[in-house]
Amino acid sequence: MKNLLRKIKNRLAGGLLPKLIFAVVRLLYATMRTRVVGGEIPQSFHDRGEGTINVFWHGRLLMLPFFYKGKGLHVLISSHGDGEIIANVMRLFGFHPVRGSSSKGGKEALHELMRLARENRDLAITPDGPRGPAEVVKPGVAQLARITGRPVITLAFSSSRGKRFSSWDRFLVPYPFSRGVFVWGEPLHYRKGEEMETFRLRIEEALRATTQRADEYIGSKF
């Protein structure tokens, strides 16, 4: 029975389900009025051909495929559970999944991200995923930025109306025809001699501040 369920899930993950999610998210976005705040920040790196490490909370990722205006984004996606579904959705958006997490495949994923960052590729990471705790940055992002010298740029999405689920990350789904905003934070660089925990906390505090700015800008009460 378990093998049968696994086969069904694998077939859904590689077939109809990602296409359905892709279509629904695109349709939802098409009904919304959105704007970008701070878009010149990542654009300046795109114009110079410099790669960035873009971070956003797991609970705010649904609309974030629409934020990217560069030439190719590599997205860290968990090897657990529904990661294959998410990876296939990201492929439909034209992104490149990198599979791994802090508890499974993390070492291999970090090495791949380091290689990509050194090639000036753009990266996207949910630093509190895949299982939380919510809105707490794991050390891997700080380590990646220190080793590669790439800047960390915080990003947040918020909407005027939406549903936050009771999942660990309080996943946000905006309502159709609501207003949305993408807010970019200032780039963060590792400071020579800085303690890794200090750098990690700087990233965490910056991402929380960027998320708060997005909520305040759009007037949401999430």
N, C-alpha and C. Protein backbone atom coordinates (compact mmCIF):
# COMPACT_ATOMS: atom_id res chain seq x y z
N MET A 1 0.83 -1.21 0.00
CA MET A 1 0.00 0.00 0.00
C MET A 1 0.87 1.27 0.00
N LYS A 2 1.92 1.22 0.83
CA LYS A 2 2.81 2.38 0.89
C LYS A 2 3.49 2.62 -0.45
N ASN A 3 3.91 1.52 -1.09
CA ASN A 3 4.56 1.65 -2.40
C ASN A 3 3.60 2.23 -3.43
N LEU A 4 2.33 1.81 -3.37
CA LEU A 4 1.32 2.33 -4.30
C LEU A 4 1.11 3.82 -4.09
N LEU A 5 0.98 4.22 -2.83
CA LEU A 5 0.79 5.65 -2.53
C LEU A 5 2.00 6.47 -2.98
N ARG A 6 3.19 5.88 -2.79
CA ARG A 6 4.41 6.57 -3.21
C ARG A 6 4.42 6.76 -4.72
N LYS A 7 4.02 5.72 -5.45
CA LYS A 7 3.98 5.80 -6.91
C LYS A 7 2.99 6.86 -7.38
N ILE A 8 1.82 6.91 -6.73
CA ILE A 8 0.80 7.90 -7.09
C ILE A 8 1.32 9.30 -6.84
N LYS A 9 1.96 9.48 -5.67
CA LYS A 9 2.49 10.80 -5.33
C LYS A 9 3.59 11.22 -6.30
N ASN A 10 4.47 10.28 -6.65
CA ASN A 10 5.55 10.60 -7.59
C ASN A 10 5.00 10.96 -8.96
N ARG A 11 3.93 10.25 -9.37
CA ARG A 11 3.33 10.55 -10.67
C ARG A 11 2.68 11.94 -10.66
N LEU A 12 2.01 12.27 -9.57
CA LEU A 12 1.40 13.61 -9.45
C LEU A 12 2.47 14.69 -9.42
N ALA A 13 3.57 14.42 -8.69
CA ALA A 13 4.64 15.41 -8.57
C ALA A 13 5.28 15.71 -9.90
N GLY A 14 5.35 14.73 -10.77
CA GLY A 14 6.02 14.92 -12.05
C GLY A 14 5.09 15.22 -13.19
N GLY A 15 3.77 15.28 -12.94
CA GLY A 15 2.82 15.44 -14.02
C GLY A 15 1.87 16.59 -13.86
N LEU A 16 0.62 16.27 -13.60
CA LEU A 16 -0.46 17.25 -13.63
C LEU A 16 -0.40 18.27 -12.50
N LEU A 17 -0.06 17.83 -11.29
CA LEU A 17 -0.17 18.72 -10.14
C LEU A 17 0.70 19.98 -10.26
N PRO A 18 2.00 19.87 -10.62
CA PRO A 18 2.79 21.10 -10.78
C PRO A 18 2.21 22.05 -11.84
N LYS A 19 1.70 21.49 -12.92
CA LYS A 19 1.10 22.33 -13.97
C LYS A 19 -0.14 23.04 -13.46
N LEU A 20 -0.92 22.34 -12.64
CA LEU A 20 -2.13 22.94 -12.08
C LEU A 20 -1.76 24.08 -11.12
N ILE A 21 -0.78 23.82 -10.24
CA ILE A 21 -0.34 24.86 -9.31
C ILE A 21 0.20 26.07 -10.07
N PHE A 22 1.02 25.81 -11.09
CA PHE A 22 1.58 26.87 -11.92
C PHE A 22 0.48 27.73 -12.53
N ALA A 23 -0.54 27.09 -13.09
CA ALA A 23 -1.63 27.82 -13.73
C ALA A 23 -2.44 28.63 -12.72
N VAL A 24 -2.72 28.04 -11.56
CA VAL A 24 -3.52 28.73 -10.54
C VAL A 24 -2.77 29.96 -10.00
N VAL A 25 -1.47 29.80 -9.73
CA VAL A 25 -0.69 30.92 -9.19
C VAL A 25 -0.60 32.05 -10.22
N ARG A 26 -0.40 31.71 -11.47
CA ARG A 26 -0.35 32.73 -12.53
C ARG A 26 -1.69 33.45 -12.66
N LEU A 27 -2.78 32.70 -12.60
CA LEU A 27 -4.10 33.30 -12.68
C LEU A 27 -4.37 34.22 -11.49
N LEU A 28 -4.00 33.76 -10.30
CA LEU A 28 -4.17 34.58 -9.10
C LEU A 28 -3.39 35.88 -9.23
N TYR A 29 -2.14 35.78 -9.66
CA TYR A 29 -1.31 36.97 -9.82
C TYR A 29 -1.91 37.93 -10.85
N ALA A 30 -2.50 37.39 -11.91
CA ALA A 30 -3.08 38.23 -12.96
C ALA A 30 -4.25 39.07 -12.45
N THR A 31 -4.91 38.61 -11.39
CA THR A 31 -6.05 39.37 -10.85
C THR A 31 -5.60 40.49 -9.91
N MET A 32 -4.34 40.45 -9.49
CA MET A 32 -3.87 41.38 -8.46
C MET A 32 -3.26 42.64 -9.06
N ARG A 33 -3.25 43.68 -8.25
CA ARG A 33 -2.50 44.90 -8.57
C ARG A 33 -1.27 44.91 -7.67
N THR A 34 -0.12 44.82 -8.28
CA THR A 34 1.11 44.73 -7.48
C THR A 34 2.08 45.84 -7.85
N ARG A 35 2.96 46.14 -6.92
CA ARG A 35 4.04 47.07 -7.21
C ARG A 35 5.31 46.60 -6.49
N VAL A 36 6.43 47.14 -6.93
CA VAL A 36 7.73 46.76 -6.38
C VAL A 36 8.35 47.98 -5.71
N VAL A 37 8.86 47.80 -4.52
CA VAL A 37 9.57 48.85 -3.78
C VAL A 37 11.03 48.42 -3.63
N GLY A 38 11.92 49.26 -4.11
CA GLY A 38 13.35 48.96 -4.00
C GLY A 38 13.87 48.08 -5.11
N GLY A 39 13.15 48.00 -6.23
CA GLY A 39 13.57 47.15 -7.33
C GLY A 39 14.90 47.54 -7.95
N GLU A 40 15.31 48.80 -7.74
CA GLU A 40 16.60 49.24 -8.27
C GLU A 40 17.77 48.57 -7.57
N ILE A 41 17.54 48.01 -6.39
CA ILE A 41 18.62 47.36 -5.63
C ILE A 41 19.10 46.10 -6.35
N PRO A 42 18.24 45.12 -6.62
CA PRO A 42 18.73 43.95 -7.37
C PRO A 42 19.09 44.28 -8.81
N GLN A 43 18.40 45.27 -9.39
CA GLN A 43 18.67 45.61 -10.78
C GLN A 43 20.10 46.10 -10.97
N SER A 44 20.62 46.82 -9.98
CA SER A 44 21.99 47.32 -10.09
C SER A 44 22.99 46.17 -10.18
N PHE A 45 22.71 45.08 -9.46
CA PHE A 45 23.59 43.90 -9.54
C PHE A 45 23.41 43.18 -10.88
N HIS A 46 22.16 43.10 -11.35
CA HIS A 46 21.92 42.49 -12.66
C HIS A 46 22.69 43.23 -13.75
N ASP A 47 22.65 44.57 -13.68
CA ASP A 47 23.30 45.39 -14.71
C ASP A 47 24.81 45.18 -14.73
N ARG A 48 25.39 44.89 -13.57
CA ARG A 48 26.83 44.67 -13.49
C ARG A 48 27.21 43.20 -13.67
N GLY A 49 26.22 42.33 -13.81
CA GLY A 49 26.49 40.91 -13.97
C GLY A 49 26.98 40.25 -12.70
N GLU A 50 26.60 40.79 -11.54
CA GLU A 50 27.03 40.25 -10.25
C GLU A 50 25.90 39.44 -9.63
N GLY A 51 26.20 38.24 -9.19
CA GLY A 51 25.20 37.37 -8.59
C GLY A 51 24.86 37.79 -7.17
N THR A 52 23.66 37.44 -6.74
CA THR A 52 23.18 37.79 -5.40
C THR A 52 22.56 36.57 -4.73
N ILE A 53 22.45 36.64 -3.41
CA ILE A 53 21.77 35.62 -2.62
C ILE A 53 20.48 36.26 -2.10
N ASN A 54 19.36 35.87 -2.65
CA ASN A 54 18.07 36.47 -2.30
C ASN A 54 17.36 35.61 -1.27
N VAL A 55 16.92 36.22 -0.17
CA VAL A 55 16.31 35.46 0.92
C VAL A 55 14.93 36.01 1.25
N PHE A 56 14.01 35.09 1.56
CA PHE A 56 12.64 35.45 1.93
C PHE A 56 12.07 34.34 2.78
N TRP A 57 11.12 34.67 3.62
CA TRP A 57 10.55 33.68 4.53
C TRP A 57 9.73 32.63 3.77
N HIS A 58 9.75 31.41 4.26
CA HIS A 58 9.04 30.30 3.65
C HIS A 58 7.54 30.59 3.52
N GLY A 59 6.97 31.25 4.51
CA GLY A 59 5.54 31.52 4.50
C GLY A 59 5.10 32.57 3.51
N ARG A 60 6.07 33.26 2.87
CA ARG A 60 5.73 34.33 1.92
C ARG A 60 6.15 34.00 0.49
N LEU A 61 6.39 32.74 0.18
CA LEU A 61 7.04 32.42 -1.10
C LEU A 61 6.08 32.25 -2.28
N LEU A 62 4.77 32.16 -2.05
CA LEU A 62 3.87 31.79 -3.13
C LEU A 62 3.95 32.72 -4.33
N MET A 63 3.98 34.03 -4.11
CA MET A 63 3.98 34.98 -5.21
C MET A 63 5.39 35.37 -5.67
N LEU A 64 6.39 34.86 -5.00
CA LEU A 64 7.75 35.33 -5.28
C LEU A 64 8.34 34.90 -6.62
N PRO A 65 7.76 33.91 -7.32
CA PRO A 65 8.27 33.68 -8.68
C PRO A 65 8.16 34.91 -9.59
N PHE A 66 7.31 35.87 -9.23
CA PHE A 66 7.10 37.03 -10.08
C PHE A 66 8.05 38.19 -9.76
N PHE A 67 8.91 38.00 -8.74
CA PHE A 67 9.79 39.10 -8.35
C PHE A 67 11.03 39.19 -9.23
N TYR A 68 11.42 38.10 -9.86
CA TYR A 68 12.75 38.03 -10.45
C TYR A 68 12.78 38.58 -11.87
N LYS A 69 13.75 39.49 -12.13
CA LYS A 69 13.88 40.11 -13.44
C LYS A 69 15.28 39.89 -14.03
N GLY A 70 16.03 38.97 -13.46
CA GLY A 70 17.38 38.72 -13.95
C GLY A 70 17.40 37.67 -15.06
N LYS A 71 18.57 37.07 -15.27
CA LYS A 71 18.77 36.17 -16.40
C LYS A 71 18.72 34.69 -16.04
N GLY A 72 18.55 34.37 -14.77
CA GLY A 72 18.48 32.95 -14.39
C GLY A 72 18.62 32.79 -12.90
N LEU A 73 17.63 32.17 -12.26
CA LEU A 73 17.61 32.05 -10.81
C LEU A 73 17.70 30.59 -10.40
N HIS A 74 18.58 30.31 -9.42
CA HIS A 74 18.76 28.97 -8.87
C HIS A 74 18.15 28.94 -7.47
N VAL A 75 17.16 28.09 -7.28
CA VAL A 75 16.34 28.10 -6.07
C VAL A 75 16.65 26.86 -5.23
N LEU A 76 17.00 27.07 -3.96
CA LEU A 76 17.23 25.95 -3.05
C LEU A 76 15.89 25.39 -2.61
N ILE A 77 15.66 24.10 -2.85
CA ILE A 77 14.40 23.44 -2.53
C ILE A 77 14.69 22.17 -1.75
N SER A 78 13.91 21.93 -0.74
CA SER A 78 14.11 20.78 0.13
C SER A 78 14.04 19.46 -0.62
N SER A 79 14.80 18.48 -0.14
CA SER A 79 14.72 17.12 -0.65
C SER A 79 13.61 16.33 0.04
N HIS A 80 12.93 16.95 0.99
CA HIS A 80 11.89 16.27 1.75
C HIS A 80 10.52 16.41 1.09
N GLY A 81 9.61 15.55 1.48
CA GLY A 81 8.18 15.68 1.25
C GLY A 81 7.78 16.16 -0.14
N ASP A 82 7.21 17.35 -0.17
CA ASP A 82 6.65 17.90 -1.39
C ASP A 82 7.68 18.69 -2.20
N GLY A 83 8.95 18.52 -1.90
CA GLY A 83 9.99 19.26 -2.60
C GLY A 83 9.99 19.04 -4.10
N GLU A 84 9.66 17.81 -4.52
CA GLU A 84 9.66 17.51 -5.96
C GLU A 84 8.56 18.29 -6.68
N ILE A 85 7.41 18.42 -6.03
CA ILE A 85 6.32 19.21 -6.61
C ILE A 85 6.75 20.66 -6.77
N ILE A 86 7.32 21.22 -5.70
CA ILE A 86 7.77 22.61 -5.74
C ILE A 86 8.85 22.80 -6.79
N ALA A 87 9.78 21.83 -6.86
CA ALA A 87 10.86 21.92 -7.84
C ALA A 87 10.31 21.96 -9.26
N ASN A 88 9.30 21.14 -9.55
CA ASN A 88 8.72 21.12 -10.88
C ASN A 88 7.93 22.39 -11.19
N VAL A 89 7.30 22.97 -10.17
CA VAL A 89 6.63 24.27 -10.37
C VAL A 89 7.67 25.34 -10.70
N MET A 90 8.79 25.33 -9.98
CA MET A 90 9.83 26.31 -10.23
C MET A 90 10.39 26.16 -11.65
N ARG A 91 10.51 24.93 -12.12
CA ARG A 91 10.99 24.71 -13.49
C ARG A 91 10.02 25.33 -14.50
N LEU A 92 8.72 25.23 -14.23
CA LEU A 92 7.74 25.82 -15.13
C LEU A 92 7.86 27.34 -15.17
N PHE A 93 8.32 27.93 -14.08
CA PHE A 93 8.55 29.37 -14.04
C PHE A 93 9.90 29.75 -14.68
N GLY A 94 10.66 28.75 -15.09
CA GLY A 94 11.94 29.01 -15.73
C GLY A 94 13.12 29.08 -14.78
N PHE A 95 12.92 28.64 -13.53
CA PHE A 95 13.98 28.66 -12.54
C PHE A 95 14.68 27.31 -12.49
N HIS A 96 15.83 27.27 -11.78
CA HIS A 96 16.66 26.08 -11.72
C HIS A 96 16.73 25.58 -10.27
N PRO A 97 16.09 24.47 -9.94
CA PRO A 97 16.12 23.97 -8.57
C PRO A 97 17.48 23.41 -8.17
N VAL A 98 17.86 23.67 -6.92
CA VAL A 98 19.00 23.02 -6.28
C VAL A 98 18.43 22.29 -5.08
N ARG A 99 18.55 20.96 -5.06
CA ARG A 99 17.87 20.17 -4.05
C ARG A 99 18.75 19.93 -2.83
N GLY A 100 18.17 20.13 -1.65
CA GLY A 100 18.88 19.88 -0.41
C GLY A 100 18.33 20.74 0.70
N SER A 101 18.64 20.37 1.95
CA SER A 101 18.19 21.13 3.11
C SER A 101 19.18 20.94 4.24
N SER A 102 18.89 21.54 5.38
CA SER A 102 19.81 21.45 6.52
C SER A 102 19.91 20.03 7.06
N SER A 103 18.88 19.20 6.80
CA SER A 103 18.87 17.85 7.36
C SER A 103 19.02 16.75 6.32
N LYS A 104 18.95 17.08 5.05
CA LYS A 104 19.08 16.05 4.01
C LYS A 104 19.69 16.67 2.76
N GLY A 105 20.87 16.17 2.38
CA GLY A 105 21.52 16.68 1.17
C GLY A 105 22.09 18.07 1.33
N GLY A 106 22.22 18.53 2.57
CA GLY A 106 22.65 19.90 2.80
C GLY A 106 24.07 20.19 2.36
N LYS A 107 24.98 19.25 2.60
CA LYS A 107 26.39 19.47 2.25
C LYS A 107 26.55 19.58 0.74
N GLU A 108 25.90 18.68 0.01
CA GLU A 108 25.99 18.71 -1.46
C GLU A 108 25.36 19.98 -2.01
N ALA A 109 24.21 20.37 -1.43
CA ALA A 109 23.53 21.58 -1.89
C ALA A 109 24.38 22.81 -1.64
N LEU A 110 25.04 22.88 -0.47
CA LEU A 110 25.90 24.02 -0.17
C LEU A 110 27.04 24.13 -1.16
N HIS A 111 27.66 23.01 -1.50
CA HIS A 111 28.74 23.02 -2.47
C HIS A 111 28.26 23.50 -3.84
N GLU A 112 27.06 23.06 -4.23
CA GLU A 112 26.50 23.49 -5.51
C GLU A 112 26.20 24.99 -5.49
N LEU A 113 25.63 25.48 -4.39
CA LEU A 113 25.35 26.90 -4.28
C LEU A 113 26.63 27.73 -4.29
N MET A 114 27.67 27.23 -3.65
CA MET A 114 28.96 27.92 -3.66
C MET A 114 29.49 28.02 -5.10
N ARG A 115 29.39 26.94 -5.84
CA ARG A 115 29.86 26.94 -7.23
C ARG A 115 29.08 27.96 -8.06
N LEU A 116 27.77 27.95 -7.89
CA LEU A 116 26.92 28.86 -8.65
C LEU A 116 27.19 30.32 -8.28
N ALA A 117 27.36 30.57 -6.98
CA ALA A 117 27.62 31.94 -6.53
C ALA A 117 28.94 32.46 -7.09
N ARG A 118 29.94 31.61 -7.15
CA ARG A 118 31.24 32.02 -7.69
C ARG A 118 31.17 32.27 -9.20
N GLU A 119 30.14 31.73 -9.84
CA GLU A 119 29.92 31.99 -11.26
C GLU A 119 28.98 33.18 -11.47
N ASN A 120 28.71 33.91 -10.39
CA ASN A 120 27.83 35.08 -10.42
C ASN A 120 26.41 34.74 -10.84
N ARG A 121 25.94 33.57 -10.43
CA ARG A 121 24.54 33.22 -10.64
C ARG A 121 23.71 33.76 -9.48
N ASP A 122 22.46 34.06 -9.74
CA ASP A 122 21.56 34.51 -8.69
C ASP A 122 20.95 33.31 -7.97
N LEU A 123 20.89 33.40 -6.63
CA LEU A 123 20.37 32.32 -5.80
C LEU A 123 19.15 32.81 -5.02
N ALA A 124 18.25 31.88 -4.72
CA ALA A 124 17.08 32.18 -3.89
C ALA A 124 16.96 31.13 -2.81
N ILE A 125 16.81 31.58 -1.56
CA ILE A 125 16.79 30.66 -0.42
C ILE A 125 15.73 31.11 0.58
N THR A 126 14.96 30.15 1.10
CA THR A 126 14.09 30.42 2.25
C THR A 126 14.86 29.97 3.49
N PRO A 127 15.48 30.89 4.23
CA PRO A 127 16.42 30.50 5.28
C PRO A 127 15.78 29.91 6.53
N ASP A 128 14.43 29.90 6.59
CA ASP A 128 13.78 29.23 7.73
C ASP A 128 13.17 27.89 7.30
N GLY A 129 13.35 27.50 6.05
CA GLY A 129 12.79 26.24 5.57
C GLY A 129 13.76 25.08 5.75
N PRO A 130 13.31 23.85 5.54
CA PRO A 130 11.95 23.50 5.12
C PRO A 130 10.98 23.24 6.26
N ARG A 131 11.47 23.23 7.48
CA ARG A 131 10.59 22.85 8.60
C ARG A 131 10.61 23.82 9.76
N GLY A 132 11.27 24.96 9.61
CA GLY A 132 11.28 25.93 10.68
C GLY A 132 12.45 25.77 11.63
N PRO A 133 12.42 26.49 12.74
CA PRO A 133 11.32 27.34 13.19
C PRO A 133 11.08 28.54 12.27
N ALA A 134 9.86 28.99 12.25
CA ALA A 134 9.45 30.06 11.35
C ALA A 134 10.20 31.35 11.64
N GLU A 135 10.63 32.00 10.58
CA GLU A 135 11.26 33.32 10.62
C GLU A 135 12.50 33.35 11.53
N VAL A 136 13.22 32.25 11.48
CA VAL A 136 14.54 32.16 12.12
C VAL A 136 15.53 31.73 11.04
N VAL A 137 16.54 32.55 10.79
CA VAL A 137 17.51 32.27 9.73
C VAL A 137 18.47 31.18 10.18
N LYS A 138 18.61 30.14 9.37
CA LYS A 138 19.59 29.10 9.65
C LYS A 138 20.98 29.59 9.25
N PRO A 139 22.04 29.01 9.82
CA PRO A 139 23.40 29.50 9.58
C PRO A 139 23.89 29.37 8.14
N GLY A 140 23.30 28.49 7.34
CA GLY A 140 23.83 28.21 6.01
C GLY A 140 23.93 29.42 5.10
N VAL A 141 22.95 30.31 5.18
CA VAL A 141 22.97 31.51 4.33
C VAL A 141 24.17 32.38 4.67
N ALA A 142 24.41 32.58 5.96
CA ALA A 142 25.54 33.40 6.38
C ALA A 142 26.86 32.76 5.96
N GLN A 143 26.96 31.45 6.09
CA GLN A 143 28.17 30.75 5.67
C GLN A 143 28.41 30.90 4.17
N LEU A 144 27.35 30.75 3.40
CA LEU A 144 27.45 30.88 1.95
C LEU A 144 27.92 32.27 1.54
N ALA A 145 27.37 33.29 2.18
CA ALA A 145 27.75 34.67 1.85
C ALA A 145 29.19 34.95 2.27
N ARG A 146 29.61 34.42 3.41
CA ARG A 146 30.98 34.64 3.86
C ARG A 146 31.99 33.99 2.92
N ILE A 147 31.72 32.74 2.53
CA ILE A 147 32.66 32.00 1.71
C ILE A 147 32.78 32.58 0.31
N THR A 148 31.63 32.98 -0.26
CA THR A 148 31.62 33.42 -1.66
C THR A 148 31.77 34.92 -1.85
N GLY A 149 31.54 35.69 -0.79
CA GLY A 149 31.60 37.14 -0.92
C GLY A 149 30.39 37.76 -1.59
N ARG A 150 29.36 36.94 -1.86
CA ARG A 150 28.15 37.45 -2.49
C ARG A 150 27.28 38.19 -1.49
N PRO A 151 26.57 39.23 -1.92
CA PRO A 151 25.67 39.96 -1.01
C PRO A 151 24.38 39.19 -0.76
N VAL A 152 23.84 39.35 0.42
CA VAL A 152 22.53 38.81 0.76
C VAL A 152 21.52 39.95 0.63
N ILE A 153 20.46 39.73 -0.15
CA ILE A 153 19.42 40.75 -0.32
C ILE A 153 18.11 40.18 0.20
N THR A 154 17.50 40.89 1.13
CA THR A 154 16.22 40.44 1.70
C THR A 154 15.07 40.87 0.81
N LEU A 155 14.02 40.05 0.82
CA LEU A 155 12.84 40.30 -0.02
C LEU A 155 11.61 39.84 0.73
N ALA A 156 10.53 40.61 0.60
CA ALA A 156 9.28 40.24 1.26
C ALA A 156 8.10 40.56 0.35
N PHE A 157 7.07 39.73 0.47
CA PHE A 157 5.80 39.96 -0.23
C PHE A 157 4.70 40.12 0.80
N SER A 158 3.77 41.02 0.53
CA SER A 158 2.59 41.14 1.37
C SER A 158 1.40 41.53 0.50
N SER A 159 0.21 41.30 1.00
CA SER A 159 -0.99 41.65 0.26
C SER A 159 -2.00 42.32 1.18
N SER A 160 -2.89 43.09 0.58
CA SER A 160 -3.88 43.82 1.36
C SER A 160 -4.90 42.88 2.00
N ARG A 161 -5.18 41.77 1.33
CA ARG A 161 -6.12 40.78 1.86
C ARG A 161 -5.60 39.39 1.51
N GLY A 162 -5.77 38.46 2.43
CA GLY A 162 -5.30 37.12 2.16
C GLY A 162 -5.57 36.19 3.32
N LYS A 163 -5.18 34.94 3.13
CA LYS A 163 -5.37 33.89 4.14
C LYS A 163 -4.02 33.40 4.61
N ARG A 164 -3.83 33.37 5.92
CA ARG A 164 -2.64 32.75 6.51
C ARG A 164 -3.07 31.46 7.18
N PHE A 165 -2.47 30.35 6.74
CA PHE A 165 -2.86 29.05 7.21
C PHE A 165 -2.22 28.74 8.57
N SER A 166 -2.67 27.66 9.18
CA SER A 166 -2.19 27.29 10.52
C SER A 166 -0.97 26.38 10.45
N SER A 167 -0.28 26.34 9.31
CA SER A 167 0.95 25.55 9.16
C SER A 167 2.07 26.19 9.98
N TRP A 168 3.19 25.48 10.09
CA TRP A 168 4.30 25.98 10.91
C TRP A 168 4.79 27.35 10.44
N ASP A 169 4.69 27.62 9.11
CA ASP A 169 5.19 28.88 8.58
C ASP A 169 4.09 29.92 8.38
N ARG A 170 2.85 29.59 8.76
CA ARG A 170 1.68 30.46 8.56
C ARG A 170 1.65 30.96 7.11
N PHE A 171 1.62 30.01 6.20
CA PHE A 171 1.73 30.26 4.77
C PHE A 171 0.67 31.25 4.29
N LEU A 172 1.11 32.26 3.55
CA LEU A 172 0.23 33.33 3.08
C LEU A 172 -0.22 33.08 1.65
N VAL A 173 -1.54 33.10 1.44
CA VAL A 173 -2.13 33.06 0.10
C VAL A 173 -2.97 34.32 -0.07
N PRO A 174 -2.58 35.22 -0.97
CA PRO A 174 -3.38 36.44 -1.16
C PRO A 174 -4.71 36.12 -1.81
N TYR A 175 -5.72 36.93 -1.52
CA TYR A 175 -7.01 36.74 -2.17
C TYR A 175 -6.98 37.33 -3.58
N PRO A 176 -7.77 36.76 -4.48
CA PRO A 176 -7.87 37.36 -5.82
C PRO A 176 -8.33 38.81 -5.74
N PHE A 177 -7.79 39.63 -6.63
CA PHE A 177 -8.14 41.04 -6.76
C PHE A 177 -7.67 41.90 -5.58
N SER A 178 -6.79 41.34 -4.76
CA SER A 178 -6.19 42.13 -3.69
C SER A 178 -5.00 42.91 -4.24
N ARG A 179 -4.46 43.81 -3.43
CA ARG A 179 -3.25 44.53 -3.79
C ARG A 179 -2.04 43.83 -3.18
N GLY A 180 -0.94 43.82 -3.91
CA GLY A 180 0.27 43.17 -3.40
C GLY A 180 1.49 44.06 -3.55
N VAL A 181 2.51 43.78 -2.75
CA VAL A 181 3.75 44.56 -2.84
C VAL A 181 4.94 43.63 -2.61
N PHE A 182 5.98 43.85 -3.40
CA PHE A 182 7.28 43.20 -3.22
C PHE A 182 8.24 44.28 -2.71
N VAL A 183 8.88 44.03 -1.60
CA VAL A 183 9.81 45.01 -1.02
C VAL A 183 11.20 44.39 -0.92
N TRP A 184 12.18 45.11 -1.45
CA TRP A 184 13.59 44.69 -1.39
C TRP A 184 14.31 45.46 -0.29
N GLY A 185 15.19 44.77 0.42
CA GLY A 185 16.03 45.41 1.42
C GLY A 185 17.41 45.72 0.87
N GLU A 186 18.18 46.47 1.62
CA GLU A 186 19.55 46.81 1.22
C GLU A 186 20.45 45.57 1.30
N PRO A 187 21.43 45.46 0.42
CA PRO A 187 22.32 44.29 0.43
C PRO A 187 23.15 44.22 1.70
N LEU A 188 23.37 43.01 2.17
CA LEU A 188 24.17 42.76 3.36
C LEU A 188 25.42 41.99 2.96
N HIS A 189 26.58 42.46 3.39
CA HIS A 189 27.84 41.78 3.12
C HIS A 189 28.47 41.30 4.43
N TYR A 190 29.16 40.20 4.34
CA TYR A 190 29.93 39.73 5.50
C TYR A 190 31.07 40.70 5.77
N ARG A 191 31.26 41.07 7.03
CA ARG A 191 32.32 41.98 7.44
C ARG A 191 33.51 41.16 7.94
N LYS A 192 34.65 41.43 7.42
CA LYS A 192 35.84 40.67 7.78
C LYS A 192 36.02 40.63 9.29
N GLY A 193 36.19 39.45 9.82
CA GLY A 193 36.37 39.26 11.26
C GLY A 193 35.07 39.16 12.04
N GLU A 194 33.94 39.31 11.38
CA GLU A 194 32.65 39.27 12.05
C GLU A 194 32.32 37.84 12.50
N GLU A 195 31.79 37.72 13.70
CA GLU A 195 31.33 36.42 14.17
C GLU A 195 30.17 35.94 13.30
N MET A 196 30.15 34.65 12.99
CA MET A 196 29.10 34.13 12.13
C MET A 196 27.71 34.31 12.73
N GLU A 197 27.61 34.16 14.04
CA GLU A 197 26.31 34.35 14.69
C GLU A 197 25.85 35.80 14.57
N THR A 198 26.79 36.73 14.66
CA THR A 198 26.45 38.14 14.50
C THR A 198 25.93 38.41 13.09
N PHE A 199 26.60 37.84 12.09
CA PHE A 199 26.16 38.01 10.71
C PHE A 199 24.80 37.35 10.48
N ARG A 200 24.63 36.16 11.05
CA ARG A 200 23.34 35.47 10.91
C ARG A 200 22.21 36.32 11.49
N LEU A 201 22.45 36.90 12.64
CA LEU A 201 21.43 37.74 13.29
C LEU A 201 21.17 39.01 12.47
N ARG A 202 22.19 39.56 11.85
CA ARG A 202 21.99 40.74 10.99
C ARG A 202 21.05 40.41 9.84
N ILE A 203 21.26 39.23 9.23
CA ILE A 203 20.39 38.80 8.13
C ILE A 203 18.96 38.60 8.64
N GLU A 204 18.83 37.94 9.76
CA GLU A 204 17.50 37.67 10.33
C GLU A 204 16.76 38.96 10.65
N GLU A 205 17.45 39.89 11.31
CA GLU A 205 16.81 41.16 11.67
C GLU A 205 16.44 41.97 10.43
N ALA A 206 17.29 41.94 9.40
CA ALA A 206 17.01 42.67 8.17
C ALA A 206 15.80 42.08 7.45
N LEU A 207 15.70 40.75 7.42
CA LEU A 207 14.57 40.12 6.74
C LEU A 207 13.27 40.38 7.50
N ARG A 208 13.33 40.38 8.80
CA ARG A 208 12.13 40.71 9.57
C ARG A 208 11.72 42.16 9.33
N ALA A 209 12.69 43.06 9.26
CA ALA A 209 12.39 44.47 9.01
C ALA A 209 11.80 44.68 7.62
N THR A 210 12.34 43.97 6.62
CA THR A 210 11.83 44.08 5.25
C THR A 210 10.40 43.57 5.19
N THR A 211 10.12 42.47 5.87
CA THR A 211 8.77 41.92 5.90
C THR A 211 7.80 42.88 6.59
N GLN A 212 8.24 43.50 7.67
CA GLN A 212 7.40 44.46 8.36
C GLN A 212 7.12 45.67 7.46
N ARG A 213 8.12 46.12 6.71
CA ARG A 213 7.92 47.22 5.77
C ARG A 213 6.87 46.88 4.73
N ALA A 214 6.93 45.65 4.22
CA ALA A 214 5.95 45.21 3.22
C ALA A 214 4.53 45.22 3.80
N ASP A 215 4.38 44.69 5.02
CA ASP A 215 3.07 44.66 5.65
C ASP A 215 2.53 46.08 5.90
N GLU A 216 3.41 46.95 6.38
CA GLU A 216 3.01 48.33 6.65
C GLU A 216 2.69 49.08 5.37
N TYR A 217 3.46 48.83 4.33
CA TYR A 217 3.27 49.53 3.07
C TYR A 217 1.89 49.24 2.48
N ILE A 218 1.48 47.99 2.51
CA ILE A 218 0.23 47.58 1.90
C ILE A 218 -0.95 47.67 2.86
N GLY A 219 -0.64 47.89 4.16
CA GLY A 219 -1.68 48.01 5.15
C GLY A 219 -2.26 46.69 5.63
N SER A 220 -1.50 45.61 5.48
CA SER A 220 -1.99 44.31 5.95
C SER A 220 -1.73 44.17 7.43
N LYS A 221 -2.43 43.21 8.04
CA LYS A 221 -2.34 43.00 9.48
C LYS A 221 -1.99 41.54 9.78
N PHE A 222 -1.03 41.02 8.98
CA PHE A 222 -0.64 39.64 9.16
C PHE A 222 0.32 39.49 10.33
